[in-house]
PDB file of N, CA and C in Angstrom:
ATOM      1  N   UNK A   1      33.781   2.759 -35.960  1.00  0.00           N
ATOM      2  CA  UNK A   1      33.436   3.390 -35.580  1.00  0.00           C
ATOM      3  C   UNK A   1      33.425   4.603 -36.051  1.00  0.00           C
ATOM      4  N   UNK A   2      33.707   6.103 -37.137  1.00  0.00           N
ATOM      5  CA  UNK A   2      33.317   7.129 -37.748  1.00  0.00           C
ATOM      6  C   UNK A   2      31.916   6.773 -38.542  1.00  0.00           C
ATOM      7  N   UNK A   3      31.781   5.678 -38.612  1.00  0.00           N
ATOM      8  CA  UNK A   3      30.399   5.619 -39.177  1.00  0.00           C
ATOM      9  C   UNK A   3      28.794   4.803 -39.130  1.00  0.00           C
ATOM     10  N   UNK A   4      28.692   5.522 -37.363  1.00  0.00           N
ATOM     11  CA  UNK A   4      27.738   5.196 -36.808  1.00  0.00           C
ATOM     12  C   UNK A   4      27.067   6.513 -37.123  1.00  0.00           C
ATOM     13  N   UNK A   5      25.957   6.735 -37.164  1.00  0.00           N
ATOM     14  CA  UNK A   5      24.382   8.539 -36.336  1.00  0.00           C
ATOM     15  C   UNK A   5      24.624   8.584 -35.646  1.00  0.00           C
ATOM     16  N   UNK A   6      24.511   9.592 -35.603  1.00  0.00           N
ATOM     17  CA  UNK A   6      23.852   9.382 -33.986  1.00  0.00           C
ATOM     18  C   UNK A   6      23.242   8.799 -33.595  1.00  0.00           C
ATOM     19  N   UNK A   7      22.093   8.559 -34.915  1.00  0.00           N
ATOM     20  CA  UNK A   7      20.768   7.685 -34.483  1.00  0.00           C
ATOM     21  C   UNK A   7      20.925   6.287 -33.521  1.00  0.00           C
ATOM     22  N   UNK A   8      22.113   5.619 -33.577  1.00  0.00           N
ATOM     23  CA  UNK A   8      22.495   4.168 -33.812  1.00  0.00           C
ATOM     24  C   UNK A   8      23.408   5.055 -32.747  1.00  0.00           C
ATOM     25  N   UNK A   9      24.003   5.903 -31.627  1.00  0.00           N
ATOM     26  CA  UNK A   9      24.248   6.144 -31.293  1.00  0.00           C
ATOM     27  C   UNK A   9      23.633   6.266 -30.284  1.00  0.00           C
ATOM     28  N   UNK A  10      22.770   6.365 -30.107  1.00  0.00           N
ATOM     29  CA  UNK A  10      21.803   7.076 -29.387  1.00  0.00           C
ATOM     30  C   UNK A  10      20.621   5.635 -28.861  1.00  0.00           C
ATOM     31  N   UNK A  11      20.732   4.359 -29.904  1.00  0.00           N
ATOM     32  CA  UNK A  11      18.958   3.030 -29.481  1.00  0.00           C
ATOM     33  C   UNK A  11      20.548   2.817 -29.050  1.00  0.00           C
ATOM     34  N   UNK A  12      22.193   2.830 -29.017  1.00  0.00           N
ATOM     35  CA  UNK A  12      22.838   1.818 -27.667  1.00  0.00           C
ATOM     36  C   UNK A  12      22.613   2.425 -26.348  1.00  0.00           C
ATOM     37  N   UNK A  13      22.930   4.007 -26.648  1.00  0.00           N
ATOM     38  CA  UNK A  13      22.565   4.294 -25.325  1.00  0.00           C
ATOM     39  C   UNK A  13      21.598   4.255 -24.553  1.00  0.00           C
ATOM     40  N   UNK A  14      20.179   4.034 -25.261  1.00  0.00           N
ATOM     41  CA  UNK A  14      18.824   3.240 -24.761  1.00  0.00           C
ATOM     42  C   UNK A  14      18.679   2.316 -24.231  1.00  0.00           C
ATOM     43  N   UNK A  15      19.271   1.989 -25.022  1.00  0.00           N
ATOM     44  CA  UNK A  15      19.489  -0.438 -24.674  1.00  0.00           C
ATOM     45  C   UNK A  15      20.402  -0.124 -23.741  1.00  0.00           C
ATOM     46  N   UNK A  16      21.799   0.248 -23.672  1.00  0.00           N
ATOM     47  CA  UNK A  16      22.662   0.078 -21.945  1.00  0.00           C
ATOM     48  C   UNK A  16      22.347   0.278 -21.016  1.00  0.00           C
ATOM     49  N   UNK A  17      21.975   2.046 -20.798  1.00  0.00           N
ATOM     50  CA  UNK A  17      20.749   2.029 -19.656  1.00  0.00           C
ATOM     51  C   UNK A  17      19.320   0.999 -19.814  1.00  0.00           C
ATOM     52  N   UNK A  18      18.263   0.967 -19.659  1.00  0.00           N
ATOM     53  CA  UNK A  18      17.948   0.577 -19.758  1.00  0.00           C
ATOM     54  C   UNK A  18      18.570  -1.420 -18.827  1.00  0.00           C
ATOM     55  N   UNK A  19      19.264  -1.792 -19.705  1.00  0.00           N
ATOM     56  CA  UNK A  19      20.049  -2.591 -19.423  1.00  0.00           C
ATOM     57  C   UNK A  19      20.671  -3.107 -17.619  1.00  0.00           C
ATOM     58  N   UNK A  20      21.258  -1.499 -18.121  1.00  0.00           N
ATOM     59  CA  UNK A  20      22.178  -1.044 -16.002  1.00  0.00           C
ATOM     60  C   UNK A  20      20.456  -0.718 -15.298  1.00  0.00           C
ATOM     61  N   UNK A  21      19.312  -0.172 -15.784  1.00  0.00           N
ATOM     62  CA  UNK A  21      18.537   0.123 -14.562  1.00  0.00           C
ATOM     63  C   UNK A  21      17.839  -0.535 -14.218  1.00  0.00           C
ATOM     64  N   UNK A  22      18.034  -2.101 -14.681  1.00  0.00           N
ATOM     65  CA  UNK A  22      17.480  -3.297 -14.881  1.00  0.00           C
ATOM     66  C   UNK A  22      18.003  -3.999 -13.287  1.00  0.00           C
ATOM     67  N   UNK A  23      19.382  -4.416 -14.003  1.00  0.00           N
ATOM     68  CA  UNK A  23      20.020  -4.311 -13.709  1.00  0.00           C
ATOM     69  C   UNK A  23      20.188  -3.994 -12.753  1.00  0.00           C
ATOM     70  N   UNK A  24      20.929  -2.673 -11.753  1.00  0.00           N
ATOM     71  CA  UNK A  24      20.318  -2.359 -11.043  1.00  0.00           C
ATOM     72  C   UNK A  24      19.400  -2.561 -10.115  1.00  0.00           C
ATOM     73  N   UNK A  25      17.483  -1.745 -10.716  1.00  0.00           N
ATOM     74  CA  UNK A  25      16.944  -1.986 -10.183  1.00  0.00           C
ATOM     75  C   UNK A  25      16.511  -3.573  -8.958  1.00  0.00           C
ATOM     76  N   UNK A  26      16.960  -4.631 -10.260  1.00  0.00           N
ATOM     77  CA  UNK A  26      16.881  -6.529  -9.012  1.00  0.00           C
ATOM     78  C   UNK A  26      18.165  -6.475  -7.926  1.00  0.00           C
ATOM     79  N   UNK A  27      19.465  -5.752  -7.727  1.00  0.00           N
ATOM     80  CA  UNK A  27      20.181  -5.595  -7.173  1.00  0.00           C
ATOM     81  C   UNK A  27      19.573  -4.987  -6.261  1.00  0.00           C
ATOM     82  N   UNK A  28      18.943  -3.887  -6.136  1.00  0.00           N
ATOM     83  CA  UNK A  28      18.447  -3.584  -5.206  1.00  0.00           C
ATOM     84  C   UNK A  28      17.248  -3.160  -4.153  1.00  0.00           C
ATOM     85  N   UNK A  29      16.684  -4.628  -4.976  1.00  0.00           N
ATOM     86  CA  UNK A  29      15.266  -4.111  -4.300  1.00  0.00           C
ATOM     87  C   UNK A  29      14.619  -4.053  -3.569  1.00  0.00           C
ATOM     88  N   UNK A  30      13.573  -3.390  -2.451  1.00  0.00           N
ATOM     89  CA  UNK A  30      13.882  -3.543  -0.837  1.00  0.00           C
ATOM     90  C   UNK A  30      12.896  -4.860  -0.786  1.00  0.00           C
ATOM     91  N   UNK A  31      12.237  -6.147  -1.222  1.00  0.00           N
ATOM     92  CA  UNK A  31      11.628  -7.524  -0.564  1.00  0.00           C
ATOM     93  C   UNK A  31      11.647  -8.116  -2.458  1.00  0.00           C
ATOM     94  N   UNK A  32      11.452  -9.451  -1.466  1.00  0.00           N
ATOM     95  CA  UNK A  32      11.389 -10.935  -2.723  1.00  0.00           C
ATOM     96  C   UNK A  32      10.180 -10.433  -3.818  1.00  0.00           C
ATOM     97  N   UNK A  33      10.162 -10.580  -3.903  1.00  0.00           N
ATOM     98  CA  UNK A  33       8.855 -10.937  -5.548  1.00  0.00           C
ATOM     99  C   UNK A  33       7.846 -10.624  -4.978  1.00  0.00           C
ATOM    100  N   UNK A  34       8.181 -12.598  -4.476  1.00  0.00           N
ATOM    101  CA  UNK A  34       7.182 -12.677  -3.995  1.00  0.00           C
ATOM    102  C   UNK A  34       6.178 -12.205  -2.283  1.00  0.00           C
ATOM    103  N   UNK A  35       6.510 -11.431  -1.808  1.00  0.00           N
ATOM    104  CA  UNK A  35       6.485 -10.477  -1.455  1.00  0.00           C
ATOM    105  C   UNK A  35       5.604  -9.110  -1.610  1.00  0.00           C
ATOM    106  N   UNK A  36       6.244  -8.866  -2.417  1.00  0.00           N
ATOM    107  CA  UNK A  36       5.373  -7.862  -3.251  1.00  0.00           C
ATOM    108  C   UNK A  36       4.037  -8.618  -3.670  1.00  0.00           C
ATOM    109  N   UNK A  37       4.275  -9.733  -4.426  1.00  0.00           N
ATOM    110  CA  UNK A  37       2.963 -10.298  -4.983  1.00  0.00           C
ATOM    111  C   UNK A  37       1.506  -9.712  -4.013  1.00  0.00           C
ATOM    112  N   UNK A  38       2.846 -10.862  -3.030  1.00  0.00           N
ATOM    113  CA  UNK A  38       1.026 -10.962  -2.122  1.00  0.00           C
ATOM    114  C   UNK A  38       0.770  -9.514  -1.814  1.00  0.00           C
ATOM    115  N   UNK A  39       2.134  -8.694  -1.297  1.00  0.00           N
ATOM    116  CA  UNK A  39       1.535  -7.651  -0.877  1.00  0.00           C
ATOM    117  C   UNK A  39       0.338  -6.893  -2.013  1.00  0.00           C
ATOM    118  N   UNK A  40      -0.004  -6.229  -3.434  1.00  0.00           N
ATOM    119  CA  UNK A  40       0.087  -6.902  -4.094  1.00  0.00           C
ATOM    120  C   UNK A  40      -1.268  -6.743  -4.195  1.00  0.00           C
ATOM    121  N   UNK A  41      -2.051  -7.952  -4.059  1.00  0.00           N
ATOM    122  CA  UNK A  41      -2.345  -9.081  -4.440  1.00  0.00           C
ATOM    123  C   UNK A  41      -3.534  -8.892  -2.873  1.00  0.00           C
ATOM    124  N   UNK A  42      -3.176  -8.427  -1.795  1.00  0.00           N
ATOM    125  CA  UNK A  42      -3.812  -7.922  -1.008  1.00  0.00           C
ATOM    126  C   UNK A  42      -4.164  -7.168  -1.267  1.00  0.00           C
ATOM    127  N   UNK A  43      -3.270  -6.452  -1.591  1.00  0.00           N
ATOM    128  CA  UNK A  43      -4.655  -4.153  -1.706  1.00  0.00           C
ATOM    129  C   UNK A  43      -5.701  -4.185  -3.227  1.00  0.00           C
ATOM    130  N   UNK A  44      -5.483  -4.678  -4.206  1.00  0.00           N
ATOM    131  CA  UNK A  44      -5.589  -4.651  -4.469  1.00  0.00           C
ATOM    132  C   UNK A  44      -7.021  -5.356  -5.642  1.00  0.00           C
ATOM    133  N   UNK A  45      -7.375  -6.410  -4.045  1.00  0.00           N
ATOM    134  CA  UNK A  45      -8.215  -7.487  -4.478  1.00  0.00           C
ATOM    135  C   UNK A  45      -9.833  -7.034  -3.420  1.00  0.00           C
ATOM    136  N   UNK A  46      -9.739  -6.165  -3.105  1.00  0.00           N
ATOM    137  CA  UNK A  46     -11.177  -5.214  -2.553  1.00  0.00           C
ATOM    138  C   UNK A  46     -11.631  -4.641  -3.529  1.00  0.00           C
ATOM    139  N   UNK A  47     -10.876  -4.032  -4.315  1.00  0.00           N
ATOM    140  CA  UNK A  47     -11.294  -2.848  -5.691  1.00  0.00           C
ATOM    141  C   UNK A  47     -11.894  -4.127  -6.316  1.00  0.00           C
ATOM    142  N   UNK A  48     -11.220  -4.764  -6.757  1.00  0.00           N
ATOM    143  CA  UNK A  48     -11.060  -6.140  -7.621  1.00  0.00           C
ATOM    144  C   UNK A  48     -12.497  -6.597  -7.166  1.00  0.00           C
ATOM    145  N   UNK A  49     -12.390  -6.903  -5.719  1.00  0.00           N
ATOM    146  CA  UNK A  49     -14.381  -7.437  -5.515  1.00  0.00           C
ATOM    147  C   UNK A  49     -15.614  -6.936  -5.887  1.00  0.00           C
ATOM    148  N   UNK A  50     -15.132  -5.124  -5.085  1.00  0.00           N
ATOM    149  CA  UNK A  50     -15.822  -4.295  -5.450  1.00  0.00           C
ATOM    150  C   UNK A  50     -16.418  -3.745  -6.419  1.00  0.00           C
ATOM    151  N   UNK A  51     -15.460  -4.275  -7.803  1.00  0.00           N
ATOM    152  CA  UNK A  51     -15.985  -3.950  -9.563  1.00  0.00           C
ATOM    153  C   UNK A  51     -16.410  -5.335 -10.368  1.00  0.00           C
ATOM    154  N   UNK A  52     -17.052  -5.732  -8.944  1.00  0.00           N
ATOM    155  CA  UNK A  52     -17.513  -7.454  -9.731  1.00  0.00           C
ATOM    156  C   UNK A  52     -18.582  -7.046  -9.508  1.00  0.00           C
ATOM    157  N   UNK A  53     -18.969  -7.041  -7.811  1.00  0.00           N
ATOM    158  CA  UNK A  53     -19.929  -6.464  -6.871  1.00  0.00           C
ATOM    159  C   UNK A  53     -20.453  -6.226  -8.348  1.00  0.00           C
ATOM    160  N   UNK A  54     -20.524  -4.395  -9.131  1.00  0.00           N
ATOM    161  CA  UNK A  54     -20.856  -3.395  -9.637  1.00  0.00           C
ATOM    162  C   UNK A  54     -21.425  -3.612 -10.495  1.00  0.00           C
ATOM    163  N   UNK A  55     -20.591  -4.582 -11.376  1.00  0.00           N
ATOM    164  CA  UNK A  55     -20.860  -5.134 -13.115  1.00  0.00           C
ATOM    165  C   UNK A  55     -22.035  -6.175 -13.428  1.00  0.00           C
ATOM    166  N   UNK A  56     -21.466  -6.810 -12.167  1.00  0.00           N
ATOM    167  CA  UNK A  56     -22.682  -7.859 -11.563  1.00  0.00           C
ATOM    168  C   UNK A  56     -24.457  -6.712 -11.478  1.00  0.00           C
ATOM    169  N   UNK A  57     -24.426  -5.839 -11.088  1.00  0.00           N
ATOM    170  CA  UNK A  57     -25.706  -5.391 -10.234  1.00  0.00           C
ATOM    171  C   UNK A  57     -26.249  -4.700 -11.725  1.00  0.00           C
ATOM    172  N   UNK A  58     -24.291  -4.618 -13.014  1.00  0.00           N
ATOM    173  CA  UNK A  58     -25.023  -3.558 -14.382  1.00  0.00           C
ATOM    174  C   UNK A  58     -25.613  -4.264 -15.127  1.00  0.00           C
ATOM    175  N   UNK A  59     -25.096  -5.920 -15.071  1.00  0.00           N
ATOM    176  CA  UNK A  59     -25.694  -6.617 -16.179  1.00  0.00           C
ATOM    177  C   UNK A  59     -27.508  -7.190 -15.651  1.00  0.00           C
ATOM    178  N   UNK A  60     -28.033  -7.307 -14.780  1.00  0.00           N
ATOM    179  CA  UNK A  60     -29.228  -7.591 -14.138  1.00  0.00           C
ATOM    180  C   UNK A  60     -30.036  -6.819 -13.520  1.00  0.00           C
ATOM    181  N   UNK A  61     -29.493  -5.312 -13.925  1.00  0.00           N
ATOM    182  CA  UNK A  61     -30.881  -4.315 -13.638  1.00  0.00           C
ATOM    183  C   UNK A  61     -30.834  -3.420 -14.702  1.00  0.00           C
ATOM    184  N   UNK A  62     -31.827  -2.826 -14.119  1.00  0.00           N
ATOM    185  CA  UNK A  62     -32.637  -2.305 -15.094  1.00  0.00           C
ATOM    186  C   UNK A  62     -32.382  -0.849 -14.858  1.00  0.00           C
ATOM    187  N   UNK A  63     -31.822  -0.966 -13.999  1.00  0.00           N
ATOM    188  CA  UNK A  63     -30.941   1.101 -13.323  1.00  0.00           C
ATOM    189  C   UNK A  63     -30.230   1.431 -13.975  1.00  0.00           C
ATOM    190  N   UNK A  64     -29.526   3.198 -14.588  1.00  0.00           N
ATOM    191  CA  UNK A  64     -28.866   3.496 -15.349  1.00  0.00           C
ATOM    192  C   UNK A  64     -27.691   3.150 -14.755  1.00  0.00           C
ATOM    193  N   UNK A  65     -27.045   3.566 -15.563  1.00  0.00           N
ATOM    194  CA  UNK A  65     -25.738   2.657 -15.483  1.00  0.00           C
ATOM    195  C   UNK A  65     -24.555   4.183 -14.774  1.00  0.00           C
ATOM    196  N   UNK A  66     -25.164   5.613 -14.581  1.00  0.00           N
ATOM    197  CA  UNK A  66     -25.069   6.103 -13.747  1.00  0.00           C
ATOM    198  C   UNK A  66     -25.307   6.164 -12.235  1.00  0.00           C
ATOM    199  N   UNK A  67     -26.501   6.123 -11.819  1.00  0.00           N
ATOM    200  CA  UNK A  67     -27.012   5.293 -10.829  1.00  0.00           C
ATOM    201  C   UNK A  67     -26.112   4.511  -9.819  1.00  0.00           C
ATOM    202  N   UNK A  68     -26.324   3.824 -10.608  1.00  0.00           N
ATOM    203  CA  UNK A  68     -25.241   2.304  -9.716  1.00  0.00           C
ATOM    204  C   UNK A  68     -23.710   2.487 -10.091  1.00  0.00           C
ATOM    205  N   UNK A  69     -23.697   3.608 -10.349  1.00  0.00           N
ATOM    206  CA  UNK A  69     -22.043   4.201 -10.429  1.00  0.00           C
ATOM    207  C   UNK A  69     -21.265   4.607  -9.295  1.00  0.00           C
ATOM    208  N   UNK A  70     -22.411   5.632  -9.249  1.00  0.00           N
ATOM    209  CA  UNK A  70     -23.049   6.800  -7.904  1.00  0.00           C
ATOM    210  C   UNK A  70     -22.879   5.813  -6.460  1.00  0.00           C
ATOM    211  N   UNK A  71     -24.012   5.158  -6.442  1.00  0.00           N
ATOM    212  CA  UNK A  71     -23.221   4.132  -5.416  1.00  0.00           C
ATOM    213  C   UNK A  71     -22.716   3.560  -4.848  1.00  0.00           C
ATOM    214  N   UNK A  72     -21.810   3.141  -6.340  1.00  0.00           N
ATOM    215  CA  UNK A  72     -20.242   2.474  -5.306  1.00  0.00           C
ATOM    216  C   UNK A  72     -19.254   3.530  -5.235  1.00  0.00           C
ATOM    217  N   UNK A  73     -19.855   4.315  -6.033  1.00  0.00           N
ATOM    218  CA  UNK A  73     -18.359   5.631  -4.948  1.00  0.00           C
ATOM    219  C   UNK A  73     -18.834   5.457  -3.987  1.00  0.00           C
ATOM    220  N   UNK A  74     -20.110   5.857  -3.054  1.00  0.00           N
ATOM    221  CA  UNK A  74     -20.432   6.460  -2.293  1.00  0.00           C
ATOM    222  C   UNK A  74     -19.640   5.481  -1.131  1.00  0.00           C
ATOM    223  N   UNK A  75     -19.724   3.781  -1.651  1.00  0.00           N
ATOM    224  CA  UNK A  75     -19.059   2.565  -0.070  1.00  0.00           C
ATOM    225  C   UNK A  75     -18.189   2.165  -0.567  1.00  0.00           C
ATOM    226  N   UNK A  76     -17.404   3.573  -1.643  1.00  0.00           N
ATOM    227  CA  UNK A  76     -16.376   3.335  -1.527  1.00  0.00           C
ATOM    228  C   UNK A  76     -16.029   3.137  -0.279  1.00  0.00           C
ATOM    229  N   UNK A  77     -14.036   3.097  -0.091  1.00  0.00           N
ATOM    230  CA  UNK A  77     -13.785   2.961   1.460  1.00  0.00           C
ATOM    231  C   UNK A  77     -12.648   4.376   0.795  1.00  0.00           C
ATOM    232  N   UNK A  78     -12.134   5.919   2.145  1.00  0.00           N
ATOM    233  CA  UNK A  78     -11.388   6.653   1.758  1.00  0.00           C
ATOM    234  C   UNK A  78     -10.049   6.500   1.280  1.00  0.00           C
ATOM    235  N   UNK A  79      -9.629   7.178   0.352  1.00  0.00           N
ATOM    236  CA  UNK A  79      -8.057   6.557  -0.153  1.00  0.00           C
ATOM    237  C   UNK A  79      -7.365   6.246   1.935  1.00  0.00           C
ATOM    238  N   UNK A  80      -7.170   7.399   2.939  1.00  0.00           N
ATOM    239  CA  UNK A  80      -6.548   7.367   3.827  1.00  0.00           C
ATOM    240  C   UNK A  80      -6.740   5.096   4.225  1.00  0.00           C
ATOM    241  N   UNK A  81      -7.761   4.971   4.287  1.00  0.00           N
ATOM    242  CA  UNK A  81      -7.884   3.394   4.799  1.00  0.00           C
ATOM    243  C   UNK A  81      -6.935   2.310   3.233  1.00  0.00           C
ATOM    244  N   UNK A  82      -7.021   3.006   2.232  1.00  0.00           N
ATOM    245  CA  UNK A  82      -7.270   2.007   0.749  1.00  0.00           C
ATOM    246  C   UNK A  82      -5.337   1.950   0.857  1.00  0.00           C
ATOM    247  N   UNK A  83      -4.861   3.407   1.257  1.00  0.00           N
ATOM    248  CA  UNK A  83      -3.134   3.205   1.417  1.00  0.00           C
ATOM    249  C   UNK A  83      -2.725   2.867   3.081  1.00  0.00           C
ATOM    250  N   UNK A  84      -3.412   2.735   3.933  1.00  0.00           N
ATOM    251  CA  UNK A  84      -2.947   1.635   5.197  1.00  0.00           C
ATOM    252  C   UNK A  84      -2.823   0.543   4.312  1.00  0.00           C
ATOM    253  N   UNK A  85      -4.256   0.381   4.037  1.00  0.00           N
ATOM    254  CA  UNK A  85      -4.732  -1.682   3.871  1.00  0.00           C
ATOM    255  C   UNK A  85      -2.750  -2.248   2.831  1.00  0.00           C
ATOM    256  N   UNK A  86      -1.649  -1.535   1.777  1.00  0.00           N
ATOM    257  CA  UNK A  86      -1.268  -1.869   0.807  1.00  0.00           C
ATOM    258  C   UNK A  86       0.413  -1.489   0.931  1.00  0.00           C
ATOM    259  N   UNK A  87       0.251  -0.666   2.971  1.00  0.00           N
ATOM    260  CA  UNK A  87       1.887  -0.973   3.466  1.00  0.00           C
ATOM    261  C   UNK A  87       1.721  -1.763   4.688  1.00  0.00           C
TER     262      UNK A  87
END
């Protein structure tokens, strides 16, 4: 033990902390993983579709990208609506 450097102890502490934190996170998780994935997909889906629409309009349009981006931002949902969709 006397031969260990400070950096070795530090690295060992980081690894042990990471392992203990991961184990505690798994034990104390509020919901099953499948339910969390479903909720994430439901909340992210509309944003992905909106992004796909903007990129396809960018590809086939001769309009400047800044104008298309402004239009997309104007039609975007308010933060309150987006937050309520996820929870």
